[in-house]
N, C-alpha and C. Protein backbone atom coordinates (compact mmCIF):
# COMPACT_ATOMS: atom_id res chain seq x y z
N UNK A 1 17.94 -1.06 -10.26
CA UNK A 1 17.73 -1.75 -9.02
C UNK A 1 18.40 -0.88 -7.33
N UNK A 2 17.29 -0.04 -6.56
CA UNK A 2 18.58 0.46 -5.63
C UNK A 2 19.34 -0.03 -5.05
N UNK A 3 20.34 0.33 -4.63
CA UNK A 3 21.61 -0.06 -3.68
C UNK A 3 21.14 0.58 -2.14
N UNK A 4 20.98 -0.49 -1.62
CA UNK A 4 21.54 -0.23 -0.09
C UNK A 4 22.09 0.56 0.29
N UNK A 5 21.76 2.09 0.98
CA UNK A 5 23.30 3.01 1.01
C UNK A 5 23.31 3.20 3.06
N UNK A 6 24.28 3.36 3.62
CA UNK A 6 24.58 3.79 4.54
C UNK A 6 22.69 4.84 5.01
N UNK A 7 22.71 4.76 6.68
CA UNK A 7 21.57 5.23 7.46
C UNK A 7 20.08 4.13 6.89
N UNK A 8 19.91 3.39 6.13
CA UNK A 8 18.74 2.97 5.37
C UNK A 8 18.34 1.85 6.51
N UNK A 9 17.26 1.96 6.50
CA UNK A 9 16.68 0.39 7.80
C UNK A 9 16.66 -0.62 6.96
N UNK A 10 17.24 -1.44 7.60
CA UNK A 10 17.50 -2.50 6.85
C UNK A 10 16.75 -3.99 8.17
N UNK A 11 16.49 -5.47 6.79
CA UNK A 11 16.79 -6.21 7.63
C UNK A 11 17.83 -7.44 7.38
N UNK A 12 18.45 -7.99 8.33
CA UNK A 12 19.84 -8.73 7.80
C UNK A 12 19.08 -10.52 8.53
N UNK A 13 19.22 -11.26 7.35
CA UNK A 13 19.24 -12.71 7.93
C UNK A 13 20.42 -13.33 7.81
N UNK A 14 20.90 -13.59 9.17
CA UNK A 14 22.38 -14.40 9.04
C UNK A 14 22.15 -16.14 9.70
N UNK A 15 23.13 -16.75 9.15
CA UNK A 15 22.84 -17.80 9.41
C UNK A 15 24.35 -18.15 10.49
N UNK A 16 24.12 -19.58 11.34
CA UNK A 16 25.62 -19.94 12.44
C UNK A 16 25.85 -19.28 13.38
N UNK A 17 25.01 -18.99 14.09
CA UNK A 17 23.62 -19.22 14.58
C UNK A 17 22.33 -18.67 13.55
N UNK A 18 21.11 -18.92 12.85
CA UNK A 18 20.46 -18.43 12.13
C UNK A 18 19.84 -17.19 13.27
N UNK A 19 19.66 -15.92 12.96
CA UNK A 19 19.51 -14.80 13.42
C UNK A 19 18.13 -14.02 12.29
N UNK A 20 17.70 -13.20 12.32
CA UNK A 20 17.65 -11.79 11.78
C UNK A 20 17.58 -10.73 12.71
N UNK A 21 18.28 -9.09 11.74
CA UNK A 21 18.29 -8.67 12.87
C UNK A 21 18.09 -7.37 12.54
N UNK A 22 17.26 -5.89 13.31
CA UNK A 22 16.65 -5.17 12.12
C UNK A 22 16.75 -4.03 12.60
N UNK A 23 17.68 -2.92 12.02
CA UNK A 23 18.26 -1.96 12.17
C UNK A 23 18.51 -0.64 11.14
N UNK A 24 19.98 -0.15 11.56
CA UNK A 24 19.78 0.76 10.39
C UNK A 24 21.48 0.69 10.13
N UNK A 25 21.57 0.43 8.72
CA UNK A 25 23.01 0.09 8.37
C UNK A 25 23.53 1.39 8.59
N UNK A 26 25.13 1.47 9.08
CA UNK A 26 26.72 2.29 9.31
C UNK A 26 27.19 1.87 7.58
N UNK A 27 27.81 0.96 8.14
CA UNK A 27 28.36 0.13 6.93
C UNK A 27 28.53 -1.09 6.18
N UNK A 28 28.81 -1.33 5.04
CA UNK A 28 29.07 -2.31 4.53
C UNK A 28 30.15 -2.46 3.53
N UNK A 29 31.55 -3.41 4.26
CA UNK A 29 32.54 -3.64 3.55
C UNK A 29 32.75 -5.10 3.11
N UNK A 30 34.15 -5.40 2.66
CA UNK A 30 34.69 -6.89 2.46
C UNK A 30 34.27 -7.29 3.58
N UNK A 31 34.59 -6.96 4.54
CA UNK A 31 34.69 -7.81 5.69
C UNK A 31 33.54 -7.65 6.59
N UNK A 32 32.51 -6.86 6.39
CA UNK A 32 30.88 -7.04 7.05
C UNK A 32 30.35 -5.71 7.26
N UNK A 33 29.09 -6.83 7.83
CA UNK A 33 28.17 -4.99 7.66
C UNK A 33 28.30 -4.68 9.91
N UNK A 34 28.16 -3.12 9.55
CA UNK A 34 28.02 -2.43 10.41
C UNK A 34 26.83 -2.18 10.75
N UNK A 35 26.12 -2.09 11.74
CA UNK A 35 24.70 -2.01 11.61
C UNK A 35 24.49 -1.49 13.66
N UNK A 36 23.39 -0.53 13.05
CA UNK A 36 22.78 -0.25 14.79
C UNK A 36 21.09 -0.87 15.37
N UNK A 37 20.80 -1.46 15.79
CA UNK A 37 19.63 -2.15 16.12
C UNK A 37 19.48 -3.22 16.89
N UNK A 38 18.43 -4.33 16.44
CA UNK A 38 18.19 -5.29 17.66
C UNK A 38 17.88 -6.51 16.96
N UNK A 39 17.76 -7.65 17.44
CA UNK A 39 17.51 -8.60 17.14
C UNK A 39 15.52 -8.57 16.81
N UNK A 40 15.35 -9.50 15.79
CA UNK A 40 14.16 -8.96 14.91
C UNK A 40 13.06 -10.11 16.07
N UNK A 41 13.47 -10.83 17.01
CA UNK A 41 12.64 -11.37 18.41
C UNK A 41 12.84 -10.69 19.10
N UNK A 42 13.33 -9.54 19.27
CA UNK A 42 12.67 -8.41 20.22
C UNK A 42 12.25 -7.47 19.70
N UNK A 43 11.56 -7.59 18.26
CA UNK A 43 10.92 -6.69 17.97
C UNK A 43 9.87 -5.97 19.32
N UNK A 44 8.64 -6.46 19.94
CA UNK A 44 7.89 -6.42 19.94
C UNK A 44 8.06 -6.04 21.37
N UNK A 45 8.76 -6.62 22.02
CA UNK A 45 8.89 -6.18 23.40
C UNK A 45 10.03 -4.59 23.48
N UNK A 46 10.46 -4.30 22.20
CA UNK A 46 11.46 -3.21 22.35
C UNK A 46 9.85 -1.67 22.20
N UNK A 47 8.55 -2.25 21.00
CA UNK A 47 7.61 -1.47 21.11
C UNK A 47 7.01 -1.48 22.53
N UNK A 48 6.68 -2.66 22.99
CA UNK A 48 6.04 -2.15 24.33
C UNK A 48 6.78 -1.57 25.54
N UNK A 49 7.73 -1.66 25.64
CA UNK A 49 9.39 -1.18 26.49
C UNK A 49 8.55 0.53 25.73
N UNK A 50 8.55 0.94 24.62
CA UNK A 50 8.60 2.64 24.32
C UNK A 50 7.78 2.75 24.86
N UNK A 51 6.25 2.32 24.23
CA UNK A 51 4.97 2.53 24.67
C UNK A 51 4.78 3.04 26.25
N UNK A 52 4.98 1.75 26.64
CA UNK A 52 4.95 2.20 28.67
C UNK A 52 6.06 2.81 29.26
N UNK A 53 7.16 3.64 28.35
CA UNK A 53 8.15 4.81 29.08
C UNK A 53 8.85 3.94 29.83
N UNK A 54 9.45 2.69 29.76
CA UNK A 54 10.12 1.96 30.46
C UNK A 54 11.81 1.63 29.29
N UNK A 55 12.63 1.40 30.19
CA UNK A 55 13.90 0.87 29.89
C UNK A 55 14.22 -0.21 28.58
N UNK A 56 14.87 0.17 28.27
CA UNK A 56 14.34 -0.77 27.10
C UNK A 56 16.79 -1.20 26.52
N UNK A 57 16.74 -2.63 26.76
CA UNK A 57 18.65 -2.73 26.53
C UNK A 57 19.03 -3.68 25.40
N UNK A 58 18.33 -3.74 24.90
CA UNK A 58 18.81 -4.98 23.89
C UNK A 58 18.78 -3.97 22.32
N UNK A 59 19.15 -2.68 21.96
CA UNK A 59 19.32 -1.95 21.21
C UNK A 59 20.91 -1.99 20.88
N UNK A 60 21.78 -1.80 19.71
CA UNK A 60 23.21 -2.40 20.47
C UNK A 60 24.02 -1.77 18.84
N UNK A 61 25.33 -1.22 19.13
CA UNK A 61 25.77 -1.00 17.42
C UNK A 61 26.72 -2.98 17.40
N UNK A 62 26.62 -3.02 16.03
CA UNK A 62 26.40 -4.60 15.79
C UNK A 62 27.58 -4.67 14.56
N UNK A 63 28.10 -5.31 14.60
CA UNK A 63 29.33 -6.09 13.61
C UNK A 63 28.86 -7.74 13.17
N UNK A 64 28.93 -7.86 12.06
CA UNK A 64 28.23 -9.45 11.38
C UNK A 64 29.01 -9.57 10.37
N UNK A 65 30.22 -10.45 10.68
CA UNK A 65 31.09 -10.91 9.68
C UNK A 65 30.66 -11.40 8.03
N UNK A 66 30.86 -10.70 7.25
CA UNK A 66 29.76 -11.26 5.90
C UNK A 66 29.89 -12.96 5.65
N UNK A 67 30.77 -14.13 6.38
CA UNK A 67 30.43 -14.75 6.49
C UNK A 67 29.26 -15.60 6.44
N UNK A 68 28.84 -14.64 7.48
CA UNK A 68 27.42 -14.99 8.44
C UNK A 68 25.75 -14.37 7.85
N UNK A 69 26.62 -13.05 6.81
CA UNK A 69 25.07 -12.82 6.26
C UNK A 69 24.80 -13.71 5.40
N UNK A 70 23.65 -14.25 5.22
CA UNK A 70 23.02 -15.05 4.35
C UNK A 70 21.96 -14.02 3.31
N UNK A 71 21.09 -13.20 4.01
CA UNK A 71 20.62 -11.68 2.96
C UNK A 71 20.51 -10.34 4.00
N UNK A 72 20.28 -9.83 3.13
CA UNK A 72 20.10 -8.45 3.73
C UNK A 72 18.91 -7.80 2.96
N UNK A 73 18.47 -6.82 2.96
CA UNK A 73 16.98 -6.45 2.27
C UNK A 73 16.50 -4.93 3.31
N UNK A 74 16.29 -3.77 2.31
CA UNK A 74 15.59 -2.42 3.23
C UNK A 74 14.41 -3.18 3.38
N UNK A 75 14.12 -2.46 4.75
CA UNK A 75 13.11 -2.24 5.90
C UNK A 75 11.52 -1.59 4.87
N UNK A 76 10.87 -2.19 3.89
CA UNK A 76 10.25 -2.08 2.88
C UNK A 76 8.58 -2.01 3.19
N UNK A 77 7.77 -1.46 2.81
CA UNK A 77 6.44 -1.67 2.87
C UNK A 77 6.10 -2.22 2.20
N UNK A 78 5.61 -3.57 2.15
CA UNK A 78 5.44 -4.24 1.02
C UNK A 78 3.56 -4.62 0.76
N UNK A 79 2.49 -4.29 -0.90
CA UNK A 79 1.66 -4.01 -0.47
C UNK A 79 1.00 -3.31 0.99
N UNK A 80 0.13 -4.50 1.47
CA UNK A 80 -0.58 -3.79 2.51
C UNK A 80 0.34 -4.16 4.07
N UNK A 81 1.06 -4.62 3.64
CA UNK A 81 2.39 -4.64 5.08
C UNK A 81 3.14 -3.83 5.29
N UNK A 82 3.37 -3.44 6.02
CA UNK A 82 4.25 -1.71 6.53
C UNK A 82 5.45 -2.35 6.71
N UNK A 83 6.09 -1.03 6.81
CA UNK A 83 7.90 -1.80 7.49
C UNK A 83 7.69 -1.47 8.92
N UNK A 84 8.82 -2.19 8.82
CA UNK A 84 8.65 -2.39 10.57
C UNK A 84 8.98 -0.81 10.76
N UNK A 85 9.29 0.05 10.47
CA UNK A 85 9.71 1.25 11.16
C UNK A 85 8.64 2.20 10.82
N UNK A 86 7.84 1.29 9.73
CA UNK A 86 6.02 2.31 9.94
C UNK A 86 5.43 1.80 10.76
N UNK A 87 5.78 0.35 10.93
CA UNK A 87 4.93 -0.06 12.07
C UNK A 87 5.51 0.19 13.68
N UNK A 88 6.23 0.23 14.27
CA UNK A 88 6.71 1.09 14.98
C UNK A 88 6.10 2.61 14.80
N UNK A 89 6.38 3.25 13.91
CA UNK A 89 5.55 4.43 14.90
C UNK A 89 4.47 4.14 14.62
N UNK A 90 3.67 3.62 13.94
CA UNK A 90 1.61 3.40 14.26
C UNK A 90 1.14 2.69 15.45
N UNK A 91 2.78 1.87 15.42
CA UNK A 91 2.37 1.48 16.88
C UNK A 91 2.83 2.28 18.39
N UNK A 92 3.47 3.12 18.28
CA UNK A 92 4.32 3.99 19.49
C UNK A 92 3.89 5.54 19.42
N UNK A 93 3.85 5.72 18.10
CA UNK A 93 3.63 7.64 17.52
C UNK A 93 4.72 7.84 17.93
N UNK A 94 5.73 7.10 17.99
CA UNK A 94 7.38 8.03 17.59
C UNK A 94 8.27 7.81 16.35
N UNK A 95 9.35 8.17 15.98
CA UNK A 95 9.91 8.10 15.25
C UNK A 95 11.20 7.16 15.36
N UNK A 96 11.01 5.69 14.73
CA UNK A 96 12.45 4.90 15.43
C UNK A 96 13.84 5.85 15.43
N UNK A 97 14.01 6.89 14.85
CA UNK A 97 15.69 7.78 14.43
C UNK A 97 15.63 8.42 15.69
N UNK A 98 14.76 8.35 16.66
CA UNK A 98 15.14 9.01 18.42
C UNK A 98 15.75 7.52 18.52
N UNK A 99 15.87 6.51 17.97
CA UNK A 99 16.64 5.30 18.95
C UNK A 99 17.50 4.81 18.44
N UNK A 100 17.24 4.45 17.36
CA UNK A 100 18.66 3.95 16.47
C UNK A 100 19.89 4.83 15.77
N UNK A 101 19.65 6.52 16.14
CA UNK A 101 20.83 7.13 15.78
C UNK A 101 21.77 7.36 16.68
N UNK A 102 23.19 6.65 15.82
CA UNK A 102 24.22 6.65 17.09
C UNK A 102 24.72 8.32 17.43
C-alpha cells in the first residue's frame, strides 16, 4: 500500500461541518493536515474561471485539525473516471500545478 506523501494531490473528507477539500498535501502531522486547494463544491466554478481567464479567489493554504478529518485519499484515476487533476487538465488544457504550487 502506497503512503500519501507531501506534494501529492489529495481529497480530504471532513466533518463538523461536513466538507470535501481537494488540493495538494503539504504536511500531515499529529495536529492536522496542511494543504493548498479548494472546497470541492467550487471545482466547476474554478474550471470555468480558468477557461475564461477570470480571477478565482477560492484557492487557499489551509490547516485542518486532525479531529475534523474523516478520511483522506489520493486524487487518482479509477477505471474510466479520471482524477480531479486529470479532469482539470482535460477541461482547461492547463496543468493544476500552475495554480496549486505555493
